[in-house]
C-alpha atoms as a PDB file:
ATOM      1  CA  MET A   1      14.467   9.547   3.338  1.00  0.00           C
ATOM      2  CA  ILE A   2      15.487   6.189   1.872  1.00  0.00           C
ATOM      3  CA  THR A   3      17.346   5.973  -1.423  1.00  0.00           C
ATOM      4  CA  THR A   4      17.503   2.712  -3.367  1.00  0.00           C
ATOM      5  CA  LYS A   5      19.179   1.989  -6.692  1.00  0.00           C
ATOM      6  CA  ARG A   6      16.284   3.517  -8.670  1.00  0.00           C
ATOM      7  CA  LEU A   7      13.860   5.019  -6.169  1.00  0.00           C
ATOM      8  CA  VAL A   8      13.486   7.487  -3.325  1.00  0.00           C
ATOM      9  CA  ILE A   9      11.107   6.933  -0.403  1.00  0.00           C
ATOM     10  CA  LYS A  10      10.303  10.171   1.417  1.00  0.00           C
ATOM     11  CA  PRO A  11       7.590  12.431   2.863  1.00  0.00           C
ATOM     12  CA  TYR A  12       5.133  14.071   0.465  1.00  0.00           C
ATOM     13  CA  SER A  13       5.509  17.629  -0.788  1.00  0.00           C
ATOM     14  CA  ASP A  14       2.734  19.981  -1.887  1.00  0.00           C
ATOM     15  CA  GLU A  15       3.724  19.295  -5.501  1.00  0.00           C
ATOM     16  CA  ASP A  16       2.630  15.653  -5.082  1.00  0.00           C
ATOM     17  CA  GLN A  17      -1.019  16.591  -4.578  1.00  0.00           C
ATOM     18  CA  GLY A  18      -2.186  16.022  -8.175  1.00  0.00           C
ATOM     19  CA  ASP A  19      -0.279  12.755  -8.624  1.00  0.00           C
ATOM     20  CA  MET A  20      -1.507  11.396  -5.290  1.00  0.00           C
ATOM     21  CA  ILE A  21      -5.112  12.222  -6.093  1.00  0.00           C
ATOM     22  CA  LEU A  22      -4.755  10.354  -9.404  1.00  0.00           C
ATOM     23  CA  LEU A  23      -3.468   7.322  -7.480  1.00  0.00           C
ATOM     24  CA  LEU A  24      -6.224   7.555  -4.867  1.00  0.00           C
ATOM     25  CA  VAL A  25      -8.941   7.412  -7.531  1.00  0.00           C
ATOM     26  CA  ASN A  26      -7.177   4.938  -9.843  1.00  0.00           C
ATOM     27  CA  GLU A  27      -9.506   1.965 -10.394  1.00  0.00           C
ATOM     28  CA  LYS A  28      -6.600  -0.498 -10.845  1.00  0.00           C
ATOM     29  CA  VAL A  29      -5.087   0.614  -7.524  1.00  0.00           C
ATOM     30  CA  LYS A  30      -8.464   0.235  -5.840  1.00  0.00           C
ATOM     31  CA  GLU A  31      -8.690  -3.403  -6.996  1.00  0.00           C
ATOM     32  CA  THR A  32      -5.901  -4.428  -4.634  1.00  0.00           C
ATOM     33  CA  TYR A  33      -5.598  -1.686  -2.001  1.00  0.00           C
ATOM     34  CA  ILE A  34      -8.484  -0.687   0.237  1.00  0.00           C
ATOM     35  CA  ILE A  35      -9.165   2.993  -0.429  1.00  0.00           C
ATOM     36  CA  PRO A  36     -12.416   4.827   0.208  1.00  0.00           C
ATOM     37  CA  ASP A  37     -14.406   6.032  -2.768  1.00  0.00           C
ATOM     38  CA  PHE A  38     -14.165   9.794  -3.053  1.00  0.00           C
ATOM     39  CA  ASN A  39     -17.291  11.605  -4.216  1.00  0.00           C
ATOM     40  CA  THR A  40     -15.489  14.868  -4.892  1.00  0.00           C
ATOM     41  CA  ARG A  41     -11.990  16.119  -5.628  1.00  0.00           C
ATOM     42  CA  ASP A  42     -12.128  17.972  -2.291  1.00  0.00           C
ATOM     43  CA  GLU A  43     -12.531  14.655  -0.441  1.00  0.00           C
ATOM     44  CA  ALA A  44      -9.462  13.241  -2.197  1.00  0.00           C
ATOM     45  CA  LEU A  45      -7.557  16.471  -1.506  1.00  0.00           C
ATOM     46  CA  SER A  46      -8.483  16.218   2.168  1.00  0.00           C
ATOM     47  CA  MET A  47      -7.106  12.659   2.248  1.00  0.00           C
ATOM     48  CA  PHE A  48      -3.865  13.827   0.610  1.00  0.00           C
ATOM     49  CA  LYS A  49      -3.446  16.620   3.169  1.00  0.00           C
ATOM     50  CA  LYS A  50      -3.989  14.109   5.984  1.00  0.00           C
ATOM     51  CA  ILE A  51      -1.417  11.610   4.691  1.00  0.00           C
ATOM     52  CA  GLN A  52       1.003  14.392   3.806  1.00  0.00           C
ATOM     53  CA  LYS A  53       0.910  15.516   7.433  1.00  0.00           C
ATOM     54  CA  LEU A  54       1.371  11.908   8.616  1.00  0.00           C
ATOM     55  CA  SER A  55       4.435  11.549   6.361  1.00  0.00           C
ATOM     56  CA  TYR A  56       6.238  14.120   8.528  1.00  0.00           C
ATOM     57  CA  SER A  57       5.148  12.520  11.818  1.00  0.00           C
ATOM     58  CA  ASP A  58       7.175  10.070  13.873  1.00  0.00           C
ATOM     59  CA  ASP A  59       3.885   8.496  14.935  1.00  0.00           C
ATOM     60  CA  HIS A  60       3.329   6.860  11.525  1.00  0.00           C
ATOM     61  CA  TYR A  61       5.267   5.174   8.765  1.00  0.00           C
ATOM     62  CA  GLU A  62       3.841   7.011   5.744  1.00  0.00           C
ATOM     63  CA  PHE A  63       5.941   7.850   2.691  1.00  0.00           C
ATOM     64  CA  GLY A  64       5.714   8.454  -1.021  1.00  0.00           C
ATOM     65  CA  ILE A  65       7.677   6.370  -3.512  1.00  0.00           C
ATOM     66  CA  TYR A  66       9.428   8.358  -6.242  1.00  0.00           C
ATOM     67  CA  LYS A  67      11.024   7.448  -9.563  1.00  0.00           C
ATOM     68  CA  ASP A  68      12.933  10.359 -11.128  1.00  0.00           C
ATOM     69  CA  ASN A  69      11.104  12.800  -8.794  1.00  0.00           C
ATOM     70  CA  GLN A  70       7.723  11.441  -9.941  1.00  0.00           C
ATOM     71  CA  LEU A  71       5.376  10.058  -7.262  1.00  0.00           C
ATOM     72  CA  ILE A  72       4.655   6.446  -8.292  1.00  0.00           C
ATOM     73  CA  GLY A  73       3.247   4.993  -5.097  1.00  0.00           C
ATOM     74  CA  TRP A  74       3.300   4.895  -1.343  1.00  0.00           C
ATOM     75  CA  VAL A  75       4.092   2.742   1.666  1.00  0.00           C
ATOM     76  CA  ASN A  76       2.299   3.171   4.974  1.00  0.00           C
ATOM     77  CA  ASP A  77       1.570   1.604   8.306  1.00  0.00           C
ATOM     78  CA  VAL A  78      -1.834   0.008   8.748  1.00  0.00           C
ATOM     79  CA  TYR A  79      -1.114  -0.727  12.397  1.00  0.00           C
ATOM     80  CA  LYS A  80       1.853  -0.314  14.677  1.00  0.00           C
ATOM     81  CA  ASP A  81       2.836  -0.676  18.290  1.00  0.00           C
ATOM     82  CA  ALA A  82       6.236  -0.502  19.992  1.00  0.00           C
ATOM     83  CA  VAL A  83       7.631  -3.682  18.387  1.00  0.00           C
ATOM     84  CA  LYS A  84       5.376  -4.658  15.474  1.00  0.00           C
ATOM     85  CA  ILE A  85       4.230  -2.826  12.356  1.00  0.00           C
ATOM     86  CA  GLU A  86       1.766  -3.804   9.630  1.00  0.00           C
ATOM     87  CA  LEU A  87       2.410  -2.270   6.224  1.00  0.00           C
ATOM     88  CA  GLY A  88       0.544  -1.580   3.038  1.00  0.00           C
ATOM     89  CA  TYR A  89       2.066  -0.403  -0.230  1.00  0.00           C
ATOM     90  CA  VAL A  90       1.028   0.681  -3.714  1.00  0.00           C
ATOM     91  CA  ILE A  91       2.884   1.106  -6.971  1.00  0.00           C
ATOM     92  CA  ASP A  92       1.136   2.968  -9.796  1.00  0.00           C
ATOM     93  CA  PRO A  93      -0.094   0.308 -12.280  1.00  0.00           C
ATOM     94  CA  ASP A  94       1.788   2.148 -15.071  1.00  0.00           C
ATOM     95  CA  TYR A  95       4.999   1.172 -13.238  1.00  0.00           C
ATOM     96  CA  HIS A  96       4.177  -2.479 -12.523  1.00  0.00           C
ATOM     97  CA  ASN A  97       6.457  -5.332 -13.611  1.00  0.00           C
ATOM     98  CA  ASN A  98       9.682  -3.373 -13.145  1.00  0.00           C
ATOM     99  CA  GLY A  99      10.708  -4.712  -9.737  1.00  0.00           C
ATOM    100  CA  TYR A 100       9.900  -1.436  -7.971  1.00  0.00           C
ATOM    101  CA  ALA A 101       7.638  -3.008  -5.337  1.00  0.00           C
ATOM    102  CA  THR A 102      10.330  -5.537  -4.400  1.00  0.00           C
ATOM    103  CA  GLU A 103      12.983  -2.814  -4.308  1.00  0.00           C
ATOM    104  CA  VAL A 104      10.815  -0.654  -2.043  1.00  0.00           C
ATOM    105  CA  LEU A 105       9.713  -3.429   0.290  1.00  0.00           C
ATOM    106  CA  LYS A 106      13.279  -4.699   0.813  1.00  0.00           C
ATOM    107  CA  ALA A 107      14.490  -1.167   1.636  1.00  0.00           C
ATOM    108  CA  VAL A 108      11.545  -0.479   3.929  1.00  0.00           C
ATOM    109  CA  ILE A 109      12.017  -3.759   5.805  1.00  0.00           C
ATOM    110  CA  GLU A 110      15.640  -2.825   6.460  1.00  0.00           C
ATOM    111  CA  ASP A 111      14.660   0.703   7.543  1.00  0.00           C
ATOM    112  CA  ILE A 112      11.928  -0.505   9.883  1.00  0.00           C
ATOM    113  CA  PHE A 113      14.244  -2.979  11.592  1.00  0.00           C
ATOM    114  CA  LEU A 114      16.823  -0.191  12.030  1.00  0.00           C
ATOM    115  CA  LYS A 115      14.082   1.828  13.742  1.00  0.00           C
ATOM    116  CA  GLY A 116      13.818  -0.938  16.355  1.00  0.00           C
ATOM    117  CA  PHE A 117      10.740  -2.879  15.309  1.00  0.00           C
ATOM    118  CA  ASN A 118      10.948  -6.666  15.742  1.00  0.00           C
ATOM    119  CA  GLU A 119       8.236  -7.798  13.326  1.00  0.00           C
ATOM    120  CA  ILE A 120       6.745  -6.561  10.057  1.00  0.00           C
ATOM    121  CA  VAL A 121       3.414  -7.862   8.786  1.00  0.00           C
ATOM    122  CA  THR A 122       1.638  -7.260   5.507  1.00  0.00           C
ATOM    123  CA  GLY A 123      -1.587  -8.567   4.042  1.00  0.00           C
ATOM    124  CA  THR A 124      -2.858  -9.035   0.527  1.00  0.00           C
ATOM    125  CA  PHE A 125      -5.896 -10.386  -1.220  1.00  0.00           C
ATOM    126  CA  VAL A 126      -5.323 -14.044  -2.064  1.00  0.00           C
ATOM    127  CA  THR A 127      -6.071 -13.164  -5.712  1.00  0.00           C
ATOM    128  CA  ASN A 128      -3.205 -10.640  -5.858  1.00  0.00           C
ATOM    129  CA  LYS A 129      -0.564 -13.057  -7.121  1.00  0.00           C
ATOM    130  CA  ALA A 130       1.906 -10.277  -8.023  1.00  0.00           C
ATOM    131  CA  SER A 131       1.896  -8.909  -4.471  1.00  0.00           C
ATOM    132  CA  ILE A 132       2.296 -12.396  -3.006  1.00  0.00           C
ATOM    133  CA  LYS A 133       5.347 -12.879  -5.223  1.00  0.00           C
ATOM    134  CA  VAL A 134       6.853  -9.550  -4.070  1.00  0.00           C
ATOM    135  CA  ILE A 135       6.210 -10.314  -0.404  1.00  0.00           C
ATOM    136  CA  GLU A 136       7.808 -13.753  -0.664  1.00  0.00           C
ATOM    137  CA  LYS A 137      10.826 -12.377  -2.591  1.00  0.00           C
ATOM    138  CA  CYS A 138      11.409 -10.043   0.335  1.00  0.00           C
ATOM    139  CA  GLY A 139      11.691 -12.948   2.767  1.00  0.00           C
ATOM    140  CA  MET A 140       8.272 -12.678   4.357  1.00  0.00           C
ATOM    141  CA  LYS A 141       6.562 -15.935   5.330  1.00  0.00           C
ATOM    142  CA  ARG A 142       2.880 -16.787   5.403  1.00  0.00           C
ATOM    143  CA  ILE A 143       1.446 -16.653   8.929  1.00  0.00           C
ATOM    144  CA  ASP A 144      -1.636 -18.157  10.514  1.00  0.00           C
ATOM    145  CA  ARG A 145      -3.841 -15.131   9.951  1.00  0.00           C
ATOM    146  CA  GLU A 146      -6.574 -14.785   7.354  1.00  0.00           C
ATOM    147  CA  GLU A 147      -9.750 -12.799   7.069  1.00  0.00           C
ATOM    148  CA  ASP A 148     -12.596 -12.173   4.694  1.00  0.00           C
ATOM    149  CA  ILE A 149     -13.274  -8.544   3.869  1.00  0.00           C
ATOM    150  CA  VAL A 150     -16.154  -7.109   1.892  1.00  0.00           C
ATOM    151  CA  TYR A 151     -14.599  -4.479  -0.354  1.00  0.00           C
ATOM    152  CA  GLN A 152     -16.085  -2.888  -3.454  1.00  0.00           C
ATOM    153  CA  ASP A 153     -19.171  -5.093  -2.981  1.00  0.00           C
ATOM    154  CA  LYS A 154     -17.028  -8.244  -3.271  1.00  0.00           C
ATOM    155  CA  LEU A 155     -15.923 -10.707  -0.651  1.00  0.00           C
ATOM    156  CA  GLN A 156     -12.114 -10.693  -0.626  1.00  0.00           C
ATOM    157  CA  HIS A 157     -10.022 -13.281   1.191  1.00  0.00           C
ATOM    158  CA  CYS A 158      -6.978 -11.628   2.759  1.00  0.00           C
ATOM    159  CA  ILE A 159      -3.849 -13.563   3.736  1.00  0.00           C
ATOM    160  CA  TYR A 160      -0.955 -12.296   5.828  1.00  0.00           C
ATOM    161  CA  TYR A 161       2.822 -12.577   5.818  1.00  0.00           C
ATOM    162  CA  ALA A 162       5.461 -11.566   8.360  1.00  0.00           C
ATOM    163  CA  ILE A 163       9.179 -11.229   8.833  1.00  0.00           C
ATOM    164  CA  LYS A 164      10.985 -10.966  12.148  1.00  0.00           C
ATOM    165  CA  ARG A 165      14.214  -9.142  12.837  1.00  0.00           C
ATOM    166  CA  GLU A 166      17.186 -11.425  13.177  1.00  0.00           C
ATOM    167  CA  ARG A 167      18.859 -11.076  16.528  1.00  0.00           C
END
C-alpha cells in the first residue's frame, strides 16, 4: 500500500467491484485508455475479478487508486521484465484537474524504483495533452518510440516517455 497526501494506492477489495465496473465501461475513460468493450455486465465482472487477483500478486503491478476510500482509478503494468516496467493509469474523469494523476504517478515512480526496477515507461495518445502534461511533470522524458494503434475504429498515434533510476 502507498499513501500520498490525499490518496491511497492499494489492492482491490470485493467492495470495489461496482465502482471498477463503472470505470471499465466509462466512455470518457475509454477515449484515452485501451479497454475492451464489454457486451455484458458478467464480462466486466470477470475482468474485475482478474485484475483484483493480479492486485495481490507479486507478478504484476496492479493497484486501485482511492480518495477517501472511494475507488477513483487504477495504475497497472502493461509490460515488465526484471529491470523495466511499462505503466498505464486511469483517473475517473469526475476527478480530473485536481492533480491526482501527478500525485499518483510520482508516488508510483518512487515505489517502483524502490522495488529495484531501473526504468519506467509509459505511453499515451498524442492527443491526450493532459496525460502528456502529467507525465512530463513527473520527470519522464520523451523517448524514440512511437506507434499507430487502431482503437475504437480510429487510428491513434501513441508516444512514449521514460524515466531511469538515478544511481
